[in-house]
Amino acid sequence: MKYVEWLRARNAHGCHILGRPNSTHYIMVDDVKPEGINRYKGNSISTTAIVEFKPDNLQVWLCISEI
């Protein structure tokens, strides 16, 4: 993660740099409220990653394929 700090600094100055897995096994659900995470867990949906961009505004990565 050689460039992580540089990317964070760019985002702090208004850039919108996002990363994603190099795979089609994952999907990202945007604008999830914290209570939405509990709904995923209550339905036995496993979250791979949860990213908070702003307070109470999350992006959730879900694994949709094990193959």
PDB file of N, CA and C in Angstrom:
ATOM      1  N   MET A   1       0.828  -1.189   0.000  1.00  0.00           N
ATOM      2  CA  MET A   1       0.000   0.000   0.000  1.00  0.00           C
ATOM      3  C   MET A   1       0.872   1.253   0.000  1.00  0.00           C
ATOM      4  N   LYS A   2       1.757   1.268  -0.926  1.00  0.00           N
ATOM      5  CA  LYS A   2       2.736   2.335  -1.032  1.00  0.00           C
ATOM      6  C   LYS A   2       2.110   3.720  -1.192  1.00  0.00           C
ATOM      7  N   TYR A   3       0.981   3.807  -1.868  1.00  0.00           N
ATOM      8  CA  TYR A   3       0.409   5.104  -2.215  1.00  0.00           C
ATOM      9  C   TYR A   3      -0.803   5.491  -1.378  1.00  0.00           C
ATOM     10  N   VAL A   4      -1.120   4.742  -0.351  1.00  0.00           N
ATOM     11  CA  VAL A   4      -2.333   4.991   0.420  1.00  0.00           C
ATOM     12  C   VAL A   4      -2.349   6.398   1.022  1.00  0.00           C
ATOM     13  N   GLU A   5      -1.273   6.813   1.635  1.00  0.00           N
ATOM     14  CA  GLU A   5      -1.238   8.154   2.249  1.00  0.00           C
ATOM     15  C   GLU A   5      -1.404   9.253   1.201  1.00  0.00           C
ATOM     16  N   TRP A   6      -0.787   9.076   0.042  1.00  0.00           N
ATOM     17  CA  TRP A   6      -0.923  10.063  -1.026  1.00  0.00           C
ATOM     18  C   TRP A   6      -2.372  10.114  -1.511  1.00  0.00           C
ATOM     19  N   LEU A   7      -2.988   8.946  -1.687  1.00  0.00           N
ATOM     20  CA  LEU A   7      -4.384   8.901  -2.123  1.00  0.00           C
ATOM     21  C   LEU A   7      -5.299   9.541  -1.088  1.00  0.00           C
ATOM     22  N   ARG A   8      -5.057   9.285   0.189  1.00  0.00           N
ATOM     23  CA  ARG A   8      -5.854   9.925   1.241  1.00  0.00           C
ATOM     24  C   ARG A   8      -5.715  11.441   1.191  1.00  0.00           C
ATOM     25  N   ALA A   9      -4.501  11.914   0.979  1.00  0.00           N
ATOM     26  CA  ALA A   9      -4.274  13.363   0.893  1.00  0.00           C
ATOM     27  C   ALA A   9      -5.011  13.958  -0.299  1.00  0.00           C
ATOM     28  N   ARG A  10      -5.003  13.262  -1.432  1.00  0.00           N
ATOM     29  CA  ARG A  10      -5.730  13.744  -2.610  1.00  0.00           C
ATOM     30  C   ARG A  10      -7.232  13.797  -2.324  1.00  0.00           C
ATOM     31  N   ASN A  11      -7.758  12.777  -1.673  1.00  0.00           N
ATOM     32  CA  ASN A  11      -9.179  12.776  -1.338  1.00  0.00           C
ATOM     33  C   ASN A  11      -9.522  13.890  -0.370  1.00  0.00           C
ATOM     34  N   ALA A  12      -8.610  14.196   0.537  1.00  0.00           N
ATOM     35  CA  ALA A  12      -8.833  15.284   1.495  1.00  0.00           C
ATOM     36  C   ALA A  12      -8.934  16.633   0.794  1.00  0.00           C
ATOM     37  N   HIS A  13      -8.403  16.716  -0.421  1.00  0.00           N
ATOM     38  CA  HIS A  13      -8.453  17.959  -1.190  1.00  0.00           C
ATOM     39  C   HIS A  13      -9.491  17.904  -2.307  1.00  0.00           C
ATOM     40  N   GLY A  14     -10.519  17.080  -2.122  1.00  0.00           N
ATOM     41  CA  GLY A  14     -11.642  17.102  -3.045  1.00  0.00           C
ATOM     42  C   GLY A  14     -11.649  16.050  -4.138  1.00  0.00           C
ATOM     43  N   CYS A  15     -10.616  15.236  -4.225  1.00  0.00           N
ATOM     44  CA  CYS A  15     -10.637  14.158  -5.228  1.00  0.00           C
ATOM     45  C   CYS A  15     -11.580  13.051  -4.758  1.00  0.00           C
ATOM     46  N   HIS A  16     -11.975  12.222  -5.654  1.00  0.00           N
ATOM     47  CA  HIS A  16     -12.872  11.106  -5.336  1.00  0.00           C
ATOM     48  C   HIS A  16     -12.233   9.813  -5.817  1.00  0.00           C
ATOM     49  N   ILE A  17     -11.111   9.467  -5.224  1.00  0.00           N
ATOM     50  CA  ILE A  17     -10.368   8.271  -5.605  1.00  0.00           C
ATOM     51  C   ILE A  17     -10.898   7.097  -4.795  1.00  0.00           C
ATOM     52  N   LEU A  18     -11.348   6.070  -5.501  1.00  0.00           N
ATOM     53  CA  LEU A  18     -11.888   4.881  -4.860  1.00  0.00           C
ATOM     54  C   LEU A  18     -11.088   3.667  -5.309  1.00  0.00           C
ATOM     55  N   GLY A  19     -11.011   2.685  -4.458  1.00  0.00           N
ATOM     56  CA  GLY A  19     -10.397   1.415  -4.826  1.00  0.00           C
ATOM     57  C   GLY A  19     -11.450   0.331  -4.802  1.00  0.00           C
ATOM     58  N   ARG A  20     -11.181  -0.755  -5.484  1.00  0.00           N
ATOM     59  CA  ARG A  20     -12.100  -1.886  -5.476  1.00  0.00           C
ATOM     60  C   ARG A  20     -11.291  -3.160  -5.661  1.00  0.00           C
ATOM     61  N   PRO A  21     -11.847  -4.284  -5.249  1.00  0.00           N
ATOM     62  CA  PRO A  21     -11.152  -5.551  -5.459  1.00  0.00           C
ATOM     63  C   PRO A  21     -11.017  -5.845  -6.953  1.00  0.00           C
ATOM     64  N   ASN A  22      -9.947  -6.501  -7.309  1.00  0.00           N
ATOM     65  CA  ASN A  22      -9.739  -6.912  -8.696  1.00  0.00           C
ATOM     66  C   ASN A  22     -10.440  -8.250  -8.913  1.00  0.00           C
ATOM     67  N   SER A  23     -11.750  -8.225  -8.801  1.00  0.00           N
ATOM     68  CA  SER A  23     -12.538  -9.448  -8.872  1.00  0.00           C
ATOM     69  C   SER A  23     -13.989  -9.104  -9.148  1.00  0.00           C
ATOM     70  N   THR A  24     -14.702 -10.031  -9.766  1.00  0.00           N
ATOM     71  CA  THR A  24     -16.136  -9.846  -9.982  1.00  0.00           C
ATOM     72  C   THR A  24     -16.954 -10.562  -8.920  1.00  0.00           C
ATOM     73  N   HIS A  25     -16.302 -11.003  -7.856  1.00  0.00           N
ATOM     74  CA  HIS A  25     -16.979 -11.731  -6.781  1.00  0.00           C
ATOM     75  C   HIS A  25     -17.643 -10.796  -5.769  1.00  0.00           C
ATOM     76  N   TYR A  26     -17.411  -9.504  -5.907  1.00  0.00           N
ATOM     77  CA  TYR A  26     -17.890  -8.551  -4.917  1.00  0.00           C
ATOM     78  C   TYR A  26     -18.754  -7.480  -5.562  1.00  0.00           C
ATOM     79  N   ILE A  27     -19.725  -6.986  -4.796  1.00  0.00           N
ATOM     80  CA  ILE A  27     -20.488  -5.818  -5.207  1.00  0.00           C
ATOM     81  C   ILE A  27     -20.429  -4.795  -4.077  1.00  0.00           C
ATOM     82  N   MET A  28     -20.598  -3.542  -4.441  1.00  0.00           N
ATOM     83  CA  MET A  28     -20.588  -2.470  -3.448  1.00  0.00           C
ATOM     84  C   MET A  28     -21.977  -1.858  -3.394  1.00  0.00           C
ATOM     85  N   VAL A  29     -22.501  -1.708  -2.188  1.00  0.00           N
ATOM     86  CA  VAL A  29     -23.781  -1.052  -1.963  1.00  0.00           C
ATOM     87  C   VAL A  29     -23.469   0.287  -1.310  1.00  0.00           C
ATOM     88  N   ASP A  30     -23.921   1.360  -1.924  1.00  0.00           N
ATOM     89  CA  ASP A  30     -23.579   2.711  -1.470  1.00  0.00           C
ATOM     90  C   ASP A  30     -24.721   3.314  -0.661  1.00  0.00           C
ATOM     91  N   ASP A  31     -24.367   4.301   0.153  1.00  0.00           N
ATOM     92  CA  ASP A  31     -25.338   5.072   0.949  1.00  0.00           C
ATOM     93  C   ASP A  31     -26.135   4.197   1.910  1.00  0.00           C
ATOM     94  N   VAL A  32     -25.450   3.320   2.615  1.00  0.00           N
ATOM     95  CA  VAL A  32     -26.085   2.463   3.618  1.00  0.00           C
ATOM     96  C   VAL A  32     -26.005   3.165   4.969  1.00  0.00           C
ATOM     97  N   LYS A  33     -27.111   3.211   5.665  1.00  0.00           N
ATOM     98  CA  LYS A  33     -27.136   3.769   7.022  1.00  0.00           C
ATOM     99  C   LYS A  33     -26.665   2.686   8.001  1.00  0.00           C
ATOM    100  N   PRO A  34     -26.136   3.074   9.156  1.00  0.00           N
ATOM    101  CA  PRO A  34     -25.644   2.077  10.118  1.00  0.00           C
ATOM    102  C   PRO A  34     -26.676   1.001  10.468  1.00  0.00           C
ATOM    103  N   GLU A  35     -27.953   1.364  10.560  1.00  0.00           N
ATOM    104  CA  GLU A  35     -28.963   0.358  10.885  1.00  0.00           C
ATOM    105  C   GLU A  35     -29.128  -0.658   9.749  1.00  0.00           C
ATOM    106  N   GLY A  36     -28.747  -0.289   8.542  1.00  0.00           N
ATOM    107  CA  GLY A  36     -28.802  -1.213   7.414  1.00  0.00           C
ATOM    108  C   GLY A  36     -27.825  -2.370   7.580  1.00  0.00           C
ATOM    109  N   ILE A  37     -26.712  -2.138   8.251  1.00  0.00           N
ATOM    110  CA  ILE A  37     -25.732  -3.203   8.505  1.00  0.00           C
ATOM    111  C   ILE A  37     -26.391  -4.307   9.327  1.00  0.00           C
ATOM    112  N   ASN A  38     -27.189  -3.927  10.303  1.00  0.00           N
ATOM    113  CA  ASN A  38     -27.878  -4.923  11.126  1.00  0.00           C
ATOM    114  C   ASN A  38     -28.856  -5.747  10.300  1.00  0.00           C
ATOM    115  N   ARG A  39     -29.462  -5.140   9.285  1.00  0.00           N
ATOM    116  CA  ARG A  39     -30.378  -5.893   8.422  1.00  0.00           C
ATOM    117  C   ARG A  39     -29.629  -6.941   7.618  1.00  0.00           C
ATOM    118  N   TYR A  40     -28.443  -6.582   7.129  1.00  0.00           N
ATOM    119  CA  TYR A  40     -27.632  -7.573   6.412  1.00  0.00           C
ATOM    120  C   TYR A  40     -27.314  -8.750   7.326  1.00  0.00           C
ATOM    121  N   LYS A  41     -26.836  -8.418   8.516  1.00  0.00           N
ATOM    122  CA  LYS A  41     -26.458  -9.475   9.461  1.00  0.00           C
ATOM    123  C   LYS A  41     -27.671 -10.303   9.872  1.00  0.00           C
ATOM    124  N   GLY A  42     -28.834  -9.665  10.037  1.00  0.00           N
ATOM    125  CA  GLY A  42     -30.049 -10.373  10.413  1.00  0.00           C
ATOM    126  C   GLY A  42     -30.540 -11.322   9.330  1.00  0.00           C
ATOM    127  N   ASN A  43     -30.156 -11.039   8.085  1.00  0.00           N
ATOM    128  CA  ASN A  43     -30.529 -11.901   6.965  1.00  0.00           C
ATOM    129  C   ASN A  43     -29.383 -12.827   6.565  1.00  0.00           C
ATOM    130  N   SER A  44     -28.407 -12.981   7.452  1.00  0.00           N
ATOM    131  CA  SER A  44     -27.246 -13.852   7.224  1.00  0.00           C
ATOM    132  C   SER A  44     -26.450 -13.472   5.979  1.00  0.00           C
ATOM    133  N   ILE A  45     -26.420 -12.193   5.660  1.00  0.00           N
ATOM    134  CA  ILE A  45     -25.604 -11.695   4.559  1.00  0.00           C
ATOM    135  C   ILE A  45     -24.294 -11.203   5.154  1.00  0.00           C
ATOM    136  N   SER A  46     -23.211 -11.788   4.710  1.00  0.00           N
ATOM    137  CA  SER A  46     -21.900 -11.460   5.259  1.00  0.00           C
ATOM    138  C   SER A  46     -21.296 -10.255   4.539  1.00  0.00           C
ATOM    139  N   THR A  47     -20.897  -9.266   5.299  1.00  0.00           N
ATOM    140  CA  THR A  47     -20.229  -8.103   4.726  1.00  0.00           C
ATOM    141  C   THR A  47     -18.731  -8.387   4.648  1.00  0.00           C
ATOM    142  N   THR A  48     -18.127  -8.027   3.528  1.00  0.00           N
ATOM    143  CA  THR A  48     -16.692  -8.209   3.336  1.00  0.00           C
ATOM    144  C   THR A  48     -15.933  -7.000   3.855  1.00  0.00           C
ATOM    145  N   ALA A  49     -16.474  -5.820   3.608  1.00  0.00           N
ATOM    146  CA  ALA A  49     -15.855  -4.578   4.082  1.00  0.00           C
ATOM    147  C   ALA A  49     -16.941  -3.530   4.264  1.00  0.00           C
ATOM    148  N   ILE A  50     -16.726  -2.667   5.246  1.00  0.00           N
ATOM    149  CA  ILE A  50     -17.619  -1.542   5.493  1.00  0.00           C
ATOM    150  C   ILE A  50     -16.754  -0.293   5.537  1.00  0.00           C
ATOM    151  N   VAL A  51     -17.068   0.676   4.670  1.00  0.00           N
ATOM    152  CA  VAL A  51     -16.267   1.895   4.570  1.00  0.00           C
ATOM    153  C   VAL A  51     -17.164   3.080   4.902  1.00  0.00           C
ATOM    154  N   GLU A  52     -16.736   3.897   5.865  1.00  0.00           N
ATOM    155  CA  GLU A  52     -17.500   5.093   6.241  1.00  0.00           C
ATOM    156  C   GLU A  52     -16.855   6.313   5.592  1.00  0.00           C
ATOM    157  N   PHE A  53     -17.580   6.934   4.671  1.00  0.00           N
ATOM    158  CA  PHE A  53     -17.078   8.126   4.001  1.00  0.00           C
ATOM    159  C   PHE A  53     -17.483   9.390   4.727  1.00  0.00           C
ATOM    160  N   LYS A  54     -18.670   9.393   5.290  1.00  0.00           N
ATOM    161  CA  LYS A  54     -19.178  10.499   6.089  1.00  0.00           C
ATOM    162  C   LYS A  54     -19.922   9.872   7.256  1.00  0.00           C
ATOM    163  N   PRO A  55     -20.126  10.619   8.324  1.00  0.00           N
ATOM    164  CA  PRO A  55     -20.904  10.050   9.423  1.00  0.00           C
ATOM    165  C   PRO A  55     -22.262   9.552   8.932  1.00  0.00           C
ATOM    166  N   ASP A  56     -22.593   8.341   9.311  1.00  0.00           N
ATOM    167  CA  ASP A  56     -23.866   7.706   8.948  1.00  0.00           C
ATOM    168  C   ASP A  56     -24.050   7.501   7.445  1.00  0.00           C
ATOM    169  N   ASN A  57     -22.966   7.453   6.681  1.00  0.00           N
ATOM    170  CA  ASN A  57     -23.032   7.171   5.244  1.00  0.00           C
ATOM    171  C   ASN A  57     -21.954   6.144   4.933  1.00  0.00           C
ATOM    172  N   LEU A  58     -22.386   4.911   4.710  1.00  0.00           N
ATOM    173  CA  LEU A  58     -21.459   3.803   4.551  1.00  0.00           C
ATOM    174  C   LEU A  58     -21.536   3.201   3.157  1.00  0.00           C
ATOM    175  N   GLN A  59     -20.432   2.618   2.740  1.00  0.00           N
ATOM    176  CA  GLN A  59     -20.411   1.749   1.580  1.00  0.00           C
ATOM    177  C   GLN A  59     -20.123   0.350   2.106  1.00  0.00           C
ATOM    178  N   VAL A  60     -20.895  -0.621   1.629  1.00  0.00           N
ATOM    179  CA  VAL A  60     -20.760  -1.991   2.107  1.00  0.00           C
ATOM    180  C   VAL A  60     -20.389  -2.880   0.924  1.00  0.00           C
ATOM    181  N   TRP A  61     -19.333  -3.659   1.087  1.00  0.00           N
ATOM    182  CA  TRP A  61     -18.910  -4.619   0.073  1.00  0.00           C
ATOM    183  C   TRP A  61     -19.415  -5.989   0.477  1.00  0.00           C
ATOM    184  N   LEU A  62     -20.083  -6.658  -0.465  1.00  0.00           N
ATOM    185  CA  LEU A  62     -20.633  -7.994  -0.227  1.00  0.00           C
ATOM    186  C   LEU A  62     -20.006  -8.972  -1.209  1.00  0.00           C
ATOM    187  N   CYS A  63     -19.710 -10.174  -0.725  1.00  0.00           N
ATOM    188  CA  CYS A  63     -19.216 -11.237  -1.598  1.00  0.00           C
ATOM    189  C   CYS A  63     -20.441 -11.958  -2.162  1.00  0.00           C
ATOM    190  N   ILE A  64     -20.544 -11.975  -3.497  1.00  0.00           N
ATOM    191  CA  ILE A  64     -21.711 -12.600  -4.120  1.00  0.00           C
ATOM    192  C   ILE A  64     -21.389 -13.942  -4.760  1.00  0.00           C
ATOM    193  N   SER A  65     -20.115 -14.353  -4.728  1.00  0.00           N
ATOM    194  CA  SER A  65     -19.728 -15.615  -5.340  1.00  0.00           C
ATOM    195  C   SER A  65     -18.487 -16.157  -4.646  1.00  0.00           C
ATOM    196  N   GLU A  66     -18.490 -17.426  -4.363  1.00  0.00           N
ATOM    197  CA  GLU A  66     -17.317 -18.064  -3.766  1.00  0.00           C
ATOM    198  C   GLU A  66     -16.412 -18.675  -4.835  1.00  0.00           C
ATOM    199  N   ILE A  67     -16.868 -18.707  -6.073  1.00  0.00           N
ATOM    200  CA  ILE A  67     -16.092 -19.328  -7.158  1.00  0.00           C
ATOM    201  C   ILE A  67     -15.240 -18.303  -7.855  1.00  0.00           C
TER     202      ILE A  67
END
